[in-house]
Amino acid sequence: MQRKGLNVMIERGYGSAKTITDVAAGTVEIGFGDMYSMIEFNAKNPNDPVVAVAVPYNRSPFAIATLSANGIADPKALQGKKLGAPAGDAPRKLWPVFAEQVGIPADSVEWITMEPKLRETFLVKGDVDAVSGFSTSILPALSKAGKQESDLTMFYYNDFGLDLYGNAIVVKKSFLEQNPDVVRGFLRAYFRGMQDVIKDPAAGLASVMKAGDSLMEEASEKQRLKIALERLWVTPETEANGLGGIEPSRFEKTIAQVAEVFEVTPPPISDVFDDSFLPPASERGLPPAGDRQPLN
């Protein structure tokens, strides 16, 4: 894919933890992953630090999902229940902070570990009462299993005292220092693409399907895009400030919350996020509301 003078190859990821490890190892030059997992990685690997250079997800997709039939209408009702997730699942790692915010002991639930592809199967079969994960993964998988959104109850971390940012574009600090124009060009193309998708999401979906492989299902990708548009990309903050940046006081608060769980010293914002490679704010604004087409 030729954009801004860059020949870009997109590879499938296998979760934020592996993405950040791959970026640090130089297996990939640019990754898309969770900044809060990156904070933990950098604390353990100070000689190979990774830094976020843009934050496309203004809100986090972290969530706990349960079937409405399970009768868990409030997060406090998760006490005594079985929760399922892969061992490295980022929302699972942040469960202690979420539990504190909703007012229940972190150890009041039993965690069941499974492979990522089995998470929703465990929930549907009743092997666990709820699962943690990204809503952009959980909801499409449950839809494929025959569940409608009305069959589910979702507890988004952002709605319960954890005003987390979502996934970021991350690079190794040494790569950033050696290739500043590559990063700038990539970000300029990336946000131009985001603006185009927000303006015409149906065209954006068609483009993704054309570029994807035979394993991609249009219904699932459409649902993912709908979640992104409604919860992750278009927010009061991005309406005011444009895409890709952060609000310092909000970010500082969430860094402190996460650092406590990971038992690390809260790093300064400058060690986590470098906004100097972003396009000017004037080039990252959301398309006017009247120009945005619905995703039918």
Protein backbone atom coordinates (compact mmCIF):
# COMPACT_ATOMS: atom_id res chain seq x y z
CA MET A 1 0.00 0.00 0.00
CA GLN A 2 1.70 3.19 -1.18
CA ARG A 3 0.91 6.24 0.97
CA LYS A 4 2.95 9.40 1.57
CA GLY A 5 5.96 7.78 -0.08
CA LEU A 6 5.82 4.73 2.20
CA ASN A 7 5.38 1.15 1.08
CA VAL A 8 3.35 -0.25 3.99
CA MET A 9 2.75 -3.92 4.73
CA ILE A 10 0.05 -4.67 7.30
CA GLU A 11 0.42 -7.80 9.43
CA ARG A 12 -2.13 -9.33 11.76
CA GLY A 13 -1.56 -8.73 15.46
CA TYR A 14 -2.03 -11.18 18.33
CA GLY A 15 -2.83 -8.88 21.21
CA SER A 16 -1.27 -5.76 22.69
CA ALA A 17 1.36 -7.56 24.76
CA LYS A 18 2.84 -9.33 21.74
CA THR A 19 2.58 -6.23 19.55
CA ILE A 20 4.61 -4.19 22.01
CA THR A 21 7.16 -6.98 22.35
CA ASP A 22 7.45 -7.21 18.55
CA VAL A 23 7.93 -3.45 18.22
CA ALA A 24 10.62 -3.49 20.92
CA ALA A 25 12.36 -6.42 19.22
CA GLY A 26 12.28 -4.70 15.83
CA THR A 27 10.14 -7.46 14.29
CA VAL A 28 7.79 -4.69 13.17
CA GLU A 29 8.55 -0.99 12.96
CA ILE A 30 5.13 0.40 13.90
CA GLY A 31 2.46 -1.25 16.05
CA PHE A 32 -1.09 -0.70 17.25
CA GLY A 33 -1.52 -1.60 20.89
CA ASP A 34 -2.48 -0.66 24.42
CA MET A 35 -0.42 2.13 26.01
CA TYR A 36 -1.07 0.88 29.51
CA SER A 37 0.42 -2.53 28.71
CA MET A 38 3.31 -0.58 27.21
CA ILE A 39 3.89 1.16 30.56
CA GLU A 40 4.34 -2.23 32.23
CA PHE A 41 6.64 -3.42 29.43
CA ASN A 42 8.85 -0.33 29.64
CA ALA A 43 9.17 -0.68 33.41
CA LYS A 44 10.46 -4.23 32.94
CA ASN A 45 12.55 -3.43 29.84
CA PRO A 46 14.07 0.01 30.37
CA ASN A 47 16.76 -0.59 27.73
CA ASP A 48 14.23 -1.15 24.90
CA PRO A 49 11.52 1.44 25.55
CA VAL A 50 8.50 1.84 23.30
CA VAL A 51 6.58 5.10 22.99
CA ALA A 52 3.12 6.05 21.72
CA VAL A 53 3.07 8.65 18.96
CA ALA A 54 -0.71 8.86 18.36
CA VAL A 55 -3.88 7.67 20.08
CA PRO A 56 -6.58 6.83 17.52
CA TYR A 57 -8.89 5.31 20.17
CA ASN A 58 -9.98 8.23 22.34
CA ARG A 59 -11.85 5.82 24.63
CA SER A 60 -10.95 2.29 25.59
CA PRO A 61 -12.80 -0.79 24.32
CA PHE A 62 -12.00 -2.60 27.62
CA ALA A 63 -15.15 -4.27 28.92
CA ILE A 64 -16.66 -7.08 30.95
CA ALA A 65 -19.37 -8.91 29.01
CA THR A 66 -22.04 -11.25 30.33
CA LEU A 67 -25.24 -12.77 29.02
CA SER A 68 -28.29 -10.85 30.21
CA ALA A 69 -29.83 -14.21 31.14
CA ASN A 70 -27.16 -14.55 33.83
CA GLY A 71 -28.86 -11.77 35.78
CA ILE A 72 -25.72 -9.71 36.38
CA ALA A 73 -27.15 -6.24 35.94
CA ASP A 74 -24.50 -4.38 37.92
CA PRO A 75 -20.72 -4.89 38.21
CA LYS A 76 -21.07 -5.46 41.95
CA ALA A 77 -23.04 -8.61 41.11
CA LEU A 78 -19.85 -10.10 39.65
CA GLN A 79 -18.78 -11.03 43.20
CA GLY A 80 -18.54 -14.78 43.57
CA LYS A 81 -18.71 -15.33 39.81
CA LYS A 82 -16.34 -16.98 37.35
CA LEU A 83 -14.71 -14.60 34.87
CA GLY A 84 -12.87 -15.79 31.79
CA ALA A 85 -10.03 -14.32 29.73
CA PRO A 86 -6.61 -15.21 28.33
CA ALA A 87 -3.79 -14.79 30.86
CA GLY A 88 -2.35 -11.72 29.13
CA ASP A 89 -5.66 -9.97 28.51
CA ALA A 90 -5.21 -6.25 29.26
CA PRO A 91 -8.68 -5.71 30.80
CA ARG A 92 -8.07 -8.74 33.02
CA LYS A 93 -4.79 -7.22 34.19
CA LEU A 94 -6.63 -4.02 35.06
CA TRP A 95 -9.44 -5.85 36.85
CA PRO A 96 -8.15 -4.77 40.32
CA VAL A 97 -8.57 -1.09 39.38
CA PHE A 98 -12.03 -1.71 37.89
CA ALA A 99 -13.06 -3.69 40.98
CA GLU A 100 -11.88 -0.87 43.23
CA GLN A 101 -13.86 1.66 41.21
CA VAL A 102 -17.11 -0.33 41.46
CA GLY A 103 -16.57 -1.15 45.14
CA ILE A 104 -15.87 -4.89 45.29
CA PRO A 105 -12.75 -6.84 46.35
CA ALA A 106 -10.53 -7.77 43.42
CA ASP A 107 -10.22 -11.31 44.75
CA SER A 108 -13.99 -11.79 44.98
CA VAL A 109 -14.10 -13.41 41.54
CA GLU A 110 -12.49 -16.56 40.16
CA TRP A 111 -10.54 -16.14 36.92
CA ILE A 112 -10.62 -18.96 34.38
CA THR A 113 -7.89 -18.89 31.73
CA MET A 114 -8.46 -19.94 28.13
CA GLU A 115 -7.18 -19.32 24.62
CA PRO A 116 -8.51 -16.08 23.06
CA LYS A 117 -10.53 -17.95 20.41
CA LEU A 118 -12.39 -19.90 23.13
CA ARG A 119 -13.38 -16.94 25.33
CA GLU A 120 -16.87 -16.37 23.91
CA THR A 121 -17.51 -20.15 23.64
CA PHE A 122 -16.89 -20.48 27.38
CA LEU A 123 -19.40 -17.71 28.03
CA VAL A 124 -22.11 -19.10 25.76
CA LYS A 125 -21.69 -22.62 27.17
CA GLY A 126 -21.94 -21.33 30.74
CA ASP A 127 -18.43 -22.37 31.75
CA VAL A 128 -17.90 -18.79 32.95
CA ASP A 129 -20.37 -16.13 34.05
CA ALA A 130 -18.63 -13.25 32.27
CA VAL A 131 -15.55 -12.50 30.18
CA SER A 132 -13.18 -9.56 29.87
CA GLY A 133 -11.76 -8.23 26.63
CA PHE A 134 -12.07 -5.64 23.90
CA SER A 135 -15.67 -4.96 22.90
CA THR A 136 -14.47 -4.85 19.29
CA SER A 137 -13.54 -8.53 19.64
CA ILE A 138 -16.17 -9.81 22.06
CA LEU A 139 -19.29 -8.45 20.36
CA PRO A 140 -18.57 -9.73 16.82
CA ALA A 141 -17.61 -13.16 18.19
CA LEU A 142 -20.83 -13.40 20.22
CA SER A 143 -22.83 -12.28 17.20
CA LYS A 144 -21.33 -15.17 15.23
CA ALA A 145 -22.44 -17.43 18.10
CA GLY A 146 -26.03 -16.27 17.58
CA LYS A 147 -26.26 -13.65 20.32
CA GLN A 148 -27.79 -10.23 19.69
CA GLU A 149 -26.56 -7.16 21.53
CA SER A 150 -29.88 -7.19 23.40
CA ASP A 151 -28.86 -10.60 24.80
CA LEU A 152 -25.77 -9.10 26.43
CA THR A 153 -24.82 -6.81 29.27
CA MET A 154 -21.62 -4.84 28.78
CA PHE A 155 -19.67 -3.07 31.53
CA TYR A 156 -17.26 -0.68 29.82
CA TYR A 157 -14.34 0.34 32.01
CA ASN A 158 -14.71 3.94 30.82
CA ASP A 159 -18.23 4.05 32.26
CA PHE A 160 -17.09 3.04 35.76
CA GLY A 161 -14.36 5.46 36.85
CA LEU A 162 -11.55 4.37 34.52
CA ASP A 163 -11.41 7.09 31.87
CA LEU A 164 -8.86 5.14 29.85
CA TYR A 165 -7.59 5.97 26.42
CA GLY A 166 -7.69 3.12 23.93
CA ASN A 167 -5.14 1.72 21.53
CA ALA A 168 -2.24 3.81 20.32
CA ILE A 169 0.27 3.77 17.49
CA VAL A 170 3.54 2.73 19.12
CA VAL A 171 7.17 2.68 17.96
CA LYS A 172 10.50 1.88 19.51
CA LYS A 173 12.21 5.03 20.73
CA SER A 174 15.37 4.25 18.82
CA PHE A 175 13.41 3.77 15.58
CA LEU A 176 11.63 7.06 16.19
CA GLU A 177 14.92 8.89 16.60
CA GLN A 178 16.40 7.33 13.45
CA ASN A 179 13.30 7.59 11.22
CA PRO A 180 11.34 10.72 12.17
CA ASP A 181 10.11 11.41 8.63
CA VAL A 182 8.82 7.86 8.24
CA VAL A 183 6.73 8.22 11.41
CA ARG A 184 5.46 11.65 10.42
CA GLY A 185 4.46 10.43 6.96
CA PHE A 186 2.76 7.35 8.35
CA LEU A 187 0.72 9.37 10.83
CA ARG A 188 -0.30 11.90 8.20
CA ALA A 189 -1.62 9.11 5.97
CA TYR A 190 -3.22 7.26 8.89
CA PHE A 191 -5.31 10.18 10.07
CA ARG A 192 -6.29 11.13 6.55
CA GLY A 193 -7.63 7.58 6.27
CA MET A 194 -9.49 7.86 9.59
CA GLN A 195 -11.11 11.09 8.48
CA ASP A 196 -12.21 9.47 5.22
CA VAL A 197 -13.72 6.49 7.08
CA ILE A 198 -15.58 8.72 9.53
CA LYS A 199 -16.94 10.70 6.58
CA ASP A 200 -17.98 7.63 4.57
CA PRO A 201 -17.80 4.48 6.71
CA ALA A 202 -19.40 2.25 4.07
CA ALA A 203 -16.58 3.11 1.64
CA GLY A 204 -14.05 2.53 4.41
CA LEU A 205 -15.51 -0.90 5.15
CA ALA A 206 -15.42 -1.83 1.47
CA SER A 207 -11.77 -0.80 1.30
CA VAL A 208 -10.88 -2.92 4.32
CA MET A 209 -12.66 -5.95 2.92
CA LYS A 210 -10.90 -5.55 -0.42
CA ALA A 211 -7.51 -5.35 1.28
CA GLY A 212 -8.23 -8.18 3.73
CA ASP A 213 -7.98 -11.94 3.46
CA SER A 214 -10.48 -14.77 3.09
CA LEU A 215 -10.86 -15.14 6.88
CA MET A 216 -12.43 -11.71 7.27
CA GLU A 217 -16.22 -11.56 7.50
CA GLU A 218 -17.96 -8.38 6.44
CA ALA A 219 -20.65 -8.58 9.13
CA SER A 220 -18.02 -8.78 11.88
CA GLU A 221 -15.92 -5.97 10.41
CA LYS A 222 -19.00 -3.79 10.05
CA GLN A 223 -19.89 -4.36 13.70
CA ARG A 224 -16.31 -3.51 14.73
CA LEU A 225 -16.43 -0.28 12.73
CA LYS A 226 -19.79 0.65 14.23
CA ILE A 227 -18.38 0.23 17.74
CA ALA A 228 -15.36 2.35 16.84
CA LEU A 229 -17.47 5.14 15.39
CA GLU A 230 -19.94 5.23 18.28
CA ARG A 231 -17.64 4.68 21.27
CA LEU A 232 -13.95 4.97 20.41
CA TRP A 233 -13.30 7.60 17.74
CA VAL A 234 -16.00 10.24 17.83
CA THR A 235 -16.16 11.74 21.33
CA PRO A 236 -16.57 15.23 22.80
CA GLU A 237 -12.78 15.36 23.18
CA THR A 238 -12.05 14.53 19.53
CA GLU A 239 -14.84 16.84 18.37
CA ALA A 240 -13.04 19.65 20.21
CA ASN A 241 -9.38 18.76 19.70
CA GLY A 242 -9.18 16.43 16.73
CA LEU A 243 -7.97 12.85 16.41
CA GLY A 244 -4.84 11.31 17.84
CA GLY A 245 -3.96 13.47 20.82
CA ILE A 246 -4.50 13.27 24.57
CA GLU A 247 -5.78 15.56 27.31
CA PRO A 248 -2.87 15.70 29.80
CA SER A 249 -4.80 15.73 33.09
CA ARG A 250 -7.00 12.84 32.00
CA PHE A 251 -4.02 10.81 30.82
CA GLU A 252 -1.98 11.53 33.93
CA LYS A 253 -4.80 10.26 36.14
CA THR A 254 -5.14 6.99 34.21
CA ILE A 255 -1.36 6.45 34.20
CA ALA A 256 -1.39 6.70 38.00
CA GLN A 257 -4.28 4.23 38.27
CA VAL A 258 -2.58 1.69 36.03
CA ALA A 259 0.89 2.10 37.55
CA GLU A 260 -0.54 1.18 40.95
CA VAL A 261 -1.82 -2.14 39.61
CA PHE A 262 1.43 -2.91 37.82
CA GLU A 263 3.40 -1.87 40.92
CA VAL A 264 5.60 0.54 39.01
CA THR A 265 6.40 4.21 39.49
CA PRO A 266 4.02 6.32 37.37
CA PRO A 267 6.11 7.52 34.42
CA PRO A 268 5.83 11.11 33.21
CA ILE A 269 3.56 11.61 30.22
CA SER A 270 6.57 12.46 28.06
CA ASP A 271 7.93 8.92 28.58
CA VAL A 272 4.66 7.38 27.40
CA PHE A 273 3.41 9.69 24.66
CA ASP A 274 5.27 11.91 22.19
CA ASP A 275 2.90 14.14 20.22
CA SER A 276 5.61 15.96 18.28
CA PHE A 277 5.24 13.67 15.25
CA LEU A 278 1.50 14.20 14.85
CA PRO A 279 0.18 16.30 11.97
CA PRO A 280 -1.01 19.77 13.04
CA ALA A 281 -4.36 19.78 14.83
CA SER A 282 -5.85 21.54 11.81
CA GLU A 283 -5.18 18.38 9.79
CA ARG A 284 -6.63 15.98 12.37
CA GLY A 285 -10.09 17.44 12.87
CA LEU A 286 -13.24 15.37 12.55
CA PRO A 287 -15.21 15.92 9.33
CA PRO A 288 -18.16 18.28 9.87
CA ALA A 289 -21.13 16.40 11.34
CA GLY A 290 -23.24 17.23 8.28
CA ASP A 291 -20.69 15.53 6.02
CA ARG A 292 -20.64 12.24 7.92
CA GLN A 293 -22.62 9.47 6.31
CA PRO A 294 -24.30 6.77 8.43
CA LEU A 295 -23.13 3.16 8.43
CA ASN A 296 -26.34 1.37 7.47
